[in-house]
N, C-alpha and C. Protein backbone atom coordinates (compact mmCIF):
# COMPACT_ATOMS: atom_id res chain seq x y z
N UNK A 1 -0.75 36.44 8.06
CA UNK A 1 -1.35 36.18 6.60
C UNK A 1 -2.60 37.15 6.95
N UNK A 2 -3.09 37.73 5.83
CA UNK A 2 -4.23 38.42 5.70
C UNK A 2 -5.08 38.49 4.46
N UNK A 3 -6.55 38.75 4.29
CA UNK A 3 -7.08 38.64 3.37
C UNK A 3 -6.71 39.82 2.24
N UNK A 4 -7.41 40.00 1.00
CA UNK A 4 -6.87 40.82 0.20
C UNK A 4 -7.36 42.08 0.66
N UNK A 5 -8.36 42.23 1.87
CA UNK A 5 -8.72 43.59 2.32
C UNK A 5 -8.04 44.27 3.49
N UNK A 6 -7.04 43.53 3.80
CA UNK A 6 -6.11 43.85 5.16
C UNK A 6 -6.44 43.44 6.31
N UNK A 7 -7.87 42.66 6.33
CA UNK A 7 -7.99 42.20 7.63
C UNK A 7 -7.55 40.64 7.85
N UNK A 8 -7.38 40.31 9.21
CA UNK A 8 -6.63 39.03 9.26
C UNK A 8 -7.49 37.61 9.05
N UNK A 9 -6.72 36.79 8.53
CA UNK A 9 -7.23 35.60 7.98
C UNK A 9 -8.10 35.04 9.22
N UNK A 10 -8.75 34.01 9.02
CA UNK A 10 -9.66 33.43 9.96
C UNK A 10 -8.84 32.62 11.25
N UNK A 11 -7.76 32.15 10.77
CA UNK A 11 -7.15 31.26 11.53
C UNK A 11 -5.95 32.21 12.17
N UNK A 12 -5.68 33.19 11.77
CA UNK A 12 -4.66 33.96 12.22
C UNK A 12 -4.64 34.66 13.78
N UNK A 13 -3.93 34.03 14.85
CA UNK A 13 -4.00 34.41 16.05
C UNK A 13 -3.55 35.91 16.42
N UNK A 14 -4.76 36.73 16.54
CA UNK A 14 -4.14 38.02 16.63
C UNK A 14 -4.72 38.93 18.02
N UNK A 15 -5.83 38.46 18.48
CA UNK A 15 -6.63 39.10 19.48
C UNK A 15 -6.11 38.56 20.63
N UNK A 16 -5.75 39.73 21.55
CA UNK A 16 -4.99 39.12 22.96
C UNK A 16 -6.56 38.81 23.90
N UNK A 17 -6.13 38.40 24.80
CA UNK A 17 -7.41 37.71 25.90
C UNK A 17 -8.28 38.62 26.38
N UNK A 18 -7.87 40.21 26.87
CA UNK A 18 -8.65 41.12 26.90
C UNK A 18 -9.80 41.65 25.62
N UNK A 19 -9.15 41.74 24.48
CA UNK A 19 -10.14 41.77 23.46
C UNK A 19 -10.96 40.82 22.87
N UNK A 20 -10.40 39.52 23.23
CA UNK A 20 -11.50 38.48 22.87
C UNK A 20 -12.61 38.38 23.86
N UNK A 21 -12.24 38.45 25.24
CA UNK A 21 -12.99 38.72 26.08
C UNK A 21 -14.35 39.55 25.85
N UNK A 22 -14.05 40.85 25.32
CA UNK A 22 -14.67 41.86 25.16
C UNK A 22 -15.55 41.42 23.79
N UNK A 23 -14.77 41.00 22.97
CA UNK A 23 -15.64 40.69 21.51
C UNK A 23 -16.69 39.58 21.57
N UNK A 24 -16.65 38.57 22.52
CA UNK A 24 -17.28 37.65 23.12
C UNK A 24 -18.29 37.62 23.96
N UNK A 25 -18.01 38.79 24.77
CA UNK A 25 -18.67 39.31 26.04
C UNK A 25 -18.72 37.97 27.10
N UNK A 26 -17.22 37.30 26.99
CA UNK A 26 -17.07 36.42 28.22
C UNK A 26 -16.21 37.03 29.06
N UNK A 27 -16.22 36.78 30.41
CA UNK A 27 -15.01 37.14 31.17
C UNK A 27 -13.53 36.61 30.84
N UNK A 28 -12.29 37.32 30.95
CA UNK A 28 -11.06 36.48 30.72
C UNK A 28 -10.90 35.23 31.27
N UNK A 29 -11.61 34.96 32.65
CA UNK A 29 -11.25 33.76 33.51
C UNK A 29 -12.11 32.76 32.93
N UNK A 30 -12.72 33.19 32.44
CA UNK A 30 -13.92 32.15 31.50
C UNK A 30 -13.02 31.44 30.17
N UNK A 31 -12.41 32.35 29.57
CA UNK A 31 -11.77 31.73 28.59
C UNK A 31 -10.40 31.16 28.82
N UNK A 32 -9.87 31.42 30.05
CA UNK A 32 -8.63 30.56 30.68
C UNK A 32 -9.43 29.32 30.94
N UNK A 33 -10.61 29.22 31.47
CA UNK A 33 -11.20 28.06 32.11
C UNK A 33 -11.63 27.05 30.78
N UNK A 34 -12.04 27.51 29.43
CA UNK A 34 -12.27 26.77 28.67
C UNK A 34 -11.32 26.05 28.14
N UNK A 35 -10.11 27.26 27.97
CA UNK A 35 -8.50 26.71 27.56
C UNK A 35 -8.41 25.41 28.28
N UNK A 36 -8.49 25.50 29.77
CA UNK A 36 -8.04 24.21 30.53
C UNK A 36 -8.94 23.09 30.31
N UNK A 37 -10.09 23.49 29.87
CA UNK A 37 -10.98 22.10 29.77
C UNK A 37 -10.85 21.86 28.33
N UNK A 38 -9.98 22.26 27.55
CA UNK A 38 -9.78 21.58 26.11
C UNK A 38 -10.71 22.18 25.04
N UNK A 39 -11.63 22.84 25.52
CA UNK A 39 -12.58 23.47 24.35
C UNK A 39 -12.25 24.74 23.46
N UNK A 40 -11.14 25.11 23.73
CA UNK A 40 -10.48 26.19 23.11
C UNK A 40 -8.97 26.18 23.19
N UNK A 41 -8.24 26.49 21.88
CA UNK A 41 -6.53 26.24 22.16
C UNK A 41 -6.22 27.73 21.26
N UNK A 42 -5.87 28.79 22.21
CA UNK A 42 -5.51 29.79 21.26
C UNK A 42 -4.19 29.62 20.99
N UNK A 43 -3.52 30.75 20.06
CA UNK A 43 -2.10 30.69 19.83
C UNK A 43 -1.45 31.29 21.16
N UNK A 44 -0.06 31.06 20.91
CA UNK A 44 0.84 31.70 22.05
C UNK A 44 1.67 32.33 21.34
N UNK A 45 2.20 33.33 22.24
CA UNK A 45 3.57 34.33 21.78
C UNK A 45 4.53 33.93 21.91
N UNK A 46 5.49 34.52 21.62
CA UNK A 46 6.86 33.82 22.38
C UNK A 46 7.03 33.79 23.60
N UNK A 47 6.58 35.05 24.42
CA UNK A 47 6.43 34.89 25.88
C UNK A 47 5.35 34.07 26.50
N UNK A 48 4.27 33.36 25.89
CA UNK A 48 3.33 32.58 26.40
C UNK A 48 2.09 33.47 26.43
N UNK A 49 2.09 34.77 25.90
CA UNK A 49 0.65 35.27 25.99
C UNK A 49 -0.29 34.52 24.85
N UNK A 50 -1.70 34.69 25.48
CA UNK A 50 -2.45 33.82 24.31
C UNK A 50 -2.83 34.93 23.45
N UNK A 51 -3.25 34.49 22.09
CA UNK A 51 -3.30 35.04 20.91
C UNK A 51 -4.83 34.40 20.53
N UNK A 52 -6.24 35.04 20.02
CA UNK A 52 -7.17 34.33 19.71
C UNK A 52 -7.22 34.78 18.36
N UNK A 53 -7.66 33.73 17.23
CA UNK A 53 -8.24 34.12 15.96
C UNK A 53 -9.56 34.30 16.05
N UNK A 54 -10.09 34.64 14.64
CA UNK A 54 -11.46 34.86 14.70
C UNK A 54 -12.09 33.60 14.64
N UNK A 55 -11.65 32.52 14.02
CA UNK A 55 -12.27 31.12 14.29
C UNK A 55 -12.39 31.17 15.78
N UNK A 56 -11.55 31.09 16.78
CA UNK A 56 -11.49 30.89 18.03
C UNK A 56 -12.75 31.83 18.68
N UNK A 57 -12.86 32.98 18.36
CA UNK A 57 -14.11 33.88 18.83
C UNK A 57 -14.98 33.26 18.36
N UNK A 58 -15.39 32.71 17.21
CA UNK A 58 -16.96 32.25 16.67
C UNK A 58 -16.75 30.92 17.58
N UNK A 59 -15.93 30.10 17.98
CA UNK A 59 -16.13 29.01 19.06
C UNK A 59 -16.51 29.49 19.97
N UNK A 60 -15.69 30.39 20.74
CA UNK A 60 -16.35 30.98 22.09
C UNK A 60 -17.92 31.59 22.22
N UNK A 61 -18.13 32.02 21.24
CA UNK A 61 -19.45 32.65 21.07
C UNK A 61 -20.39 31.41 20.85
N UNK A 62 -20.07 30.36 20.20
CA UNK A 62 -21.03 28.94 20.01
C UNK A 62 -20.94 28.50 21.27
N UNK A 63 -19.81 28.52 22.12
CA UNK A 63 -19.89 27.76 23.58
C UNK A 63 -20.67 28.66 24.28
N UNK A 64 -20.76 29.84 24.33
CA UNK A 64 -21.38 31.03 25.29
C UNK A 64 -22.96 30.49 24.87
N UNK A 65 -23.34 30.42 23.66
CA UNK A 65 -24.80 30.39 23.30
C UNK A 65 -25.26 29.17 23.71
N UNK A 66 -24.42 27.95 23.58
CA UNK A 66 -25.05 26.39 24.07
C UNK A 66 -24.94 26.33 25.64
N UNK A 67 -24.11 27.31 26.23
CA UNK A 67 -24.10 27.14 27.66
C UNK A 67 -25.39 28.36 28.42
N UNK A 68 -25.56 29.34 27.61
CA UNK A 68 -26.93 29.92 28.06
C UNK A 68 -27.87 29.44 27.76
N UNK A 69 -27.96 28.27 26.60
CA UNK A 69 -29.48 27.77 26.68
C UNK A 69 -29.63 26.57 27.56
N UNK A 70 -28.60 26.15 28.48
CA UNK A 70 -28.73 25.48 29.73
C UNK A 70 -28.03 23.85 29.69
N UNK A 71 -26.97 24.02 28.67
CA UNK A 71 -26.50 22.76 27.90
C UNK A 71 -24.83 22.81 29.17
N UNK A 72 -24.65 21.73 29.71
CA UNK A 72 -23.46 21.60 30.37
C UNK A 72 -22.31 21.57 29.76
N UNK A 73 -20.95 21.80 30.20
CA UNK A 73 -19.69 21.61 29.51
C UNK A 73 -19.67 20.66 28.95
N UNK A 74 -19.85 19.48 29.45
CA UNK A 74 -19.76 18.11 28.99
C UNK A 74 -20.59 17.90 27.46
N UNK A 75 -21.78 18.60 27.81
CA UNK A 75 -22.54 18.67 26.57
C UNK A 75 -22.05 19.39 25.53
N UNK A 76 -21.69 20.75 25.70
CA UNK A 76 -20.87 21.42 24.90
C UNK A 76 -19.82 20.73 24.22
N UNK A 77 -18.77 19.86 25.08
CA UNK A 77 -17.90 19.40 24.39
C UNK A 77 -18.44 18.40 23.44
N UNK A 78 -19.36 17.40 23.85
CA UNK A 78 -19.73 16.50 23.01
C UNK A 78 -20.51 16.97 21.73
N UNK A 79 -21.19 18.33 21.83
CA UNK A 79 -21.71 18.70 20.58
C UNK A 79 -20.67 19.19 19.66
N UNK A 80 -19.69 19.79 20.12
CA UNK A 80 -18.72 20.35 19.29
C UNK A 80 -17.70 19.33 18.56
N UNK A 81 -17.64 17.86 19.22
CA UNK A 81 -17.01 16.81 18.41
C UNK A 81 -17.78 16.40 17.66
N UNK A 82 -19.18 16.52 17.68
CA UNK A 82 -19.98 15.72 16.65
C UNK A 82 -20.24 16.79 15.38
N UNK A 83 -20.15 18.21 15.59
CA UNK A 83 -19.97 19.11 14.68
C UNK A 83 -18.67 18.98 13.99
N UNK A 84 -17.48 18.76 14.60
CA UNK A 84 -16.52 18.32 13.83
C UNK A 84 -16.24 17.21 12.94
N UNK A 85 -17.01 16.27 13.45
CA UNK A 85 -17.01 14.79 12.72
C UNK A 85 -17.99 14.95 11.28
N UNK A 86 -18.96 15.72 11.83
CA UNK A 86 -20.02 16.14 10.50
C UNK A 86 -19.21 16.69 9.73
N UNK A 87 -18.26 17.89 9.65
CA UNK A 87 -17.78 18.64 9.19
C UNK A 87 -16.44 17.48 8.20
N UNK A 88 -15.97 16.68 9.12
CA UNK A 88 -14.99 15.94 8.31
C UNK A 88 -15.76 14.76 7.23
N UNK A 89 -16.72 14.19 7.75
CA UNK A 89 -17.44 13.66 6.68
C UNK A 89 -18.04 14.37 5.55
N UNK A 90 -18.69 15.65 5.86
CA UNK A 90 -18.79 16.21 4.83
C UNK A 90 -17.83 16.52 3.67
N UNK A 91 -16.57 16.75 4.12
CA UNK A 91 -15.46 17.12 3.48
C UNK A 91 -15.00 15.65 2.68
N UNK A 92 -15.17 14.66 3.44
CA UNK A 92 -14.73 13.43 2.91
C UNK A 92 -15.74 12.76 1.87
N UNK A 93 -17.15 13.14 2.00
CA UNK A 93 -18.22 12.77 0.77
C UNK A 93 -17.66 13.46 -0.24
N UNK A 94 -17.27 14.80 -0.29
CA UNK A 94 -17.00 15.61 -1.33
C UNK A 94 -16.14 15.07 -2.16
N UNK A 95 -14.98 14.70 -1.29
CA UNK A 95 -13.80 14.03 -2.18
C UNK A 95 -14.33 12.90 -2.88
N UNK A 96 -14.93 11.95 -2.12
CA UNK A 96 -15.49 10.70 -2.85
C UNK A 96 -16.37 11.11 -4.08
N UNK A 97 -17.22 11.76 -4.14
CA UNK A 97 -18.05 12.41 -5.17
C UNK A 97 -17.35 13.06 -6.24
N UNK A 98 -16.25 13.58 -6.01
CA UNK A 98 -15.04 14.17 -6.97
C UNK A 98 -14.78 12.88 -7.69
N UNK A 99 -13.84 11.97 -6.76
CA UNK A 99 -13.22 10.79 -7.21
C UNK A 99 -14.48 9.94 -8.19
N UNK A 100 -15.61 9.85 -7.63
CA UNK A 100 -16.41 8.90 -8.45
C UNK A 100 -16.83 9.57 -9.98
N UNK A 101 -16.90 11.07 -9.78
CA UNK A 101 -17.04 11.53 -11.29
C UNK A 101 -16.04 11.35 -12.23
N UNK A 102 -14.75 11.53 -11.41
CA UNK A 102 -13.35 11.30 -12.31
C UNK A 102 -13.34 9.82 -13.03
N UNK A 103 -14.01 8.77 -12.18
CA UNK A 103 -14.00 7.39 -12.66
C UNK A 103 -14.38 7.19 -13.72
N UNK A 104 -15.96 7.77 -13.55
CA UNK A 104 -17.15 7.95 -14.37
C UNK A 104 -17.04 8.18 -15.71
N UNK A 105 -16.09 9.35 -15.62
CA UNK A 105 -15.55 10.31 -16.89
C UNK A 105 -14.52 9.27 -17.43
N UNK A 106 -13.56 8.72 -16.90
CA UNK A 106 -12.85 7.81 -17.21
C UNK A 106 -13.05 6.52 -18.10
N UNK A 107 -14.24 6.03 -17.54
CA UNK A 107 -14.74 4.64 -17.88
C UNK A 107 -15.70 5.20 -19.25
N UNK A 108 -16.18 6.30 -19.17
CA UNK A 108 -16.99 6.75 -20.42
C UNK A 108 -16.07 6.77 -21.51
N UNK A 109 -14.93 7.68 -21.28
CA UNK A 109 -13.77 7.73 -22.14
C UNK A 109 -13.28 6.59 -22.90
N UNK A 110 -12.77 5.60 -21.97
CA UNK A 110 -12.53 4.38 -22.70
C UNK A 110 -13.68 3.41 -23.22
N UNK A 111 -14.95 3.60 -22.70
CA UNK A 111 -15.97 3.23 -23.77
C UNK A 111 -16.05 3.57 -24.89
N UNK A 112 -15.66 4.97 -24.98
CA UNK A 112 -15.76 5.66 -26.23
C UNK A 112 -14.75 4.94 -27.27
N UNK A 113 -13.50 5.07 -26.55
CA UNK A 113 -12.45 4.85 -27.42
C UNK A 113 -12.55 3.35 -28.24
N UNK A 114 -13.16 2.36 -27.24
CA UNK A 114 -13.17 0.83 -27.55
C UNK A 114 -14.20 1.05 -28.52
N UNK A 115 -15.26 1.84 -29.13
CA UNK A 115 -15.95 1.06 -30.04
C UNK A 115 -15.15 1.30 -31.43
N UNK A 116 -15.46 0.15 -31.91
CA UNK A 116 -14.84 0.00 -33.19
C UNK A 116 -15.49 1.15 -34.44
N UNK A 117 -14.77 1.66 -35.06
CA UNK A 117 -15.22 2.45 -35.97
C UNK A 117 -16.42 1.72 -37.13
N UNK A 118 -17.38 2.28 -37.65
CA UNK A 118 -18.18 1.75 -38.46
C UNK A 118 -17.48 2.08 -39.98
N UNK A 119 -17.10 1.15 -40.73
CA UNK A 119 -16.62 1.57 -42.07
C UNK A 119 -17.27 1.43 -43.24
N UNK A 120 -18.53 1.16 -42.77
CA UNK A 120 -19.95 0.89 -43.71
C UNK A 120 -20.50 2.52 -43.61
N UNK A 121 -20.92 2.96 -44.94
CA UNK A 121 -21.86 3.92 -45.05
C UNK A 121 -23.02 3.79 -44.38
N UNK A 122 -23.61 4.56 -43.81
CA UNK A 122 -25.02 4.56 -43.15
C UNK A 122 -25.95 4.50 -44.42
N UNK A 123 -26.69 3.43 -44.08
CA UNK A 123 -28.02 3.49 -45.21
C UNK A 123 -29.27 3.54 -44.37
N UNK A 124 -29.86 4.22 -45.22
CA UNK A 124 -31.35 4.56 -44.83
C UNK A 124 -32.28 3.76 -45.78
N UNK A 125 -33.21 2.87 -44.96
CA UNK A 125 -34.05 1.86 -45.65
C UNK A 125 -35.56 2.45 -45.38
N UNK A 126 -36.27 2.09 -46.48
CA UNK A 126 -37.65 2.56 -46.33
C UNK A 126 -38.62 1.25 -45.77
N UNK A 127 -39.55 1.51 -45.26
CA UNK A 127 -40.25 0.69 -44.49
C UNK A 127 -40.77 -0.46 -45.29
N UNK A 128 -40.65 -1.51 -44.63
CA UNK A 128 -41.09 -2.88 -45.47
C UNK A 128 -39.57 -3.61 -46.12
N UNK A 129 -38.45 -2.69 -46.40
CA UNK A 129 -37.44 -3.22 -46.97
C UNK A 129 -36.36 -3.68 -46.12
N UNK A 130 -35.64 -4.73 -46.40
CA UNK A 130 -34.59 -4.96 -45.83
C UNK A 130 -33.10 -4.82 -46.42
N UNK A 131 -32.22 -4.68 -45.57
CA UNK A 131 -30.71 -4.21 -46.36
C UNK A 131 -29.93 -5.62 -46.07
N UNK A 132 -29.18 -6.24 -46.82
CA UNK A 132 -28.18 -7.26 -46.60
C UNK A 132 -27.10 -6.80 -47.11
N UNK A 133 -25.87 -7.05 -46.03
CA UNK A 133 -24.64 -6.48 -46.24
C UNK A 133 -23.70 -7.80 -46.59
N UNK A 134 -23.34 -7.68 -47.71
CA UNK A 134 -22.54 -9.21 -48.40
C UNK A 134 -21.00 -8.75 -48.08
N UNK A 135 -20.17 -9.75 -47.40
CA UNK A 135 -18.89 -9.34 -47.36
C UNK A 135 -18.17 -10.45 -48.14
N UNK A 136 -17.18 -10.27 -48.99
CA UNK A 136 -16.45 -11.13 -49.40
C UNK A 136 -15.77 -12.21 -48.57
N UNK A 137 -15.74 -13.21 -48.76
CA UNK A 137 -15.03 -14.24 -47.79
C UNK A 137 -13.67 -14.06 -48.10
N UNK A 138 -12.74 -14.63 -47.10
CA UNK A 138 -11.16 -14.20 -47.10
C UNK A 138 -10.74 -15.30 -47.34
């Protein structure tokens, strides 16, 4: 799958390990170690070769930034889990806001439809005058 301009989609696993290592500035052994630790899950070819996506490369760069800032691997794992949870909560919040808006629109439409039509003409009254509406008894 590719984008309209011919570049691969962010989740398309297209980069071999040597290219991924070069693009991220990490050693191929480091990429394998991160995979064993569960920090990254590259795609696999039919023959078992690793293929990394653009999103994988972004994640590897984030891991490298965090570890170079002195954060241990378990800290990196926890930070990434929390970021994933935040993303999921944001997405759920957007869903709930959209649902709430739809419910509000539905209630407003229902309230507008339930209003009885006023069959009397609108009368304008001058200050100090009152209007009495007389209806014939049934």
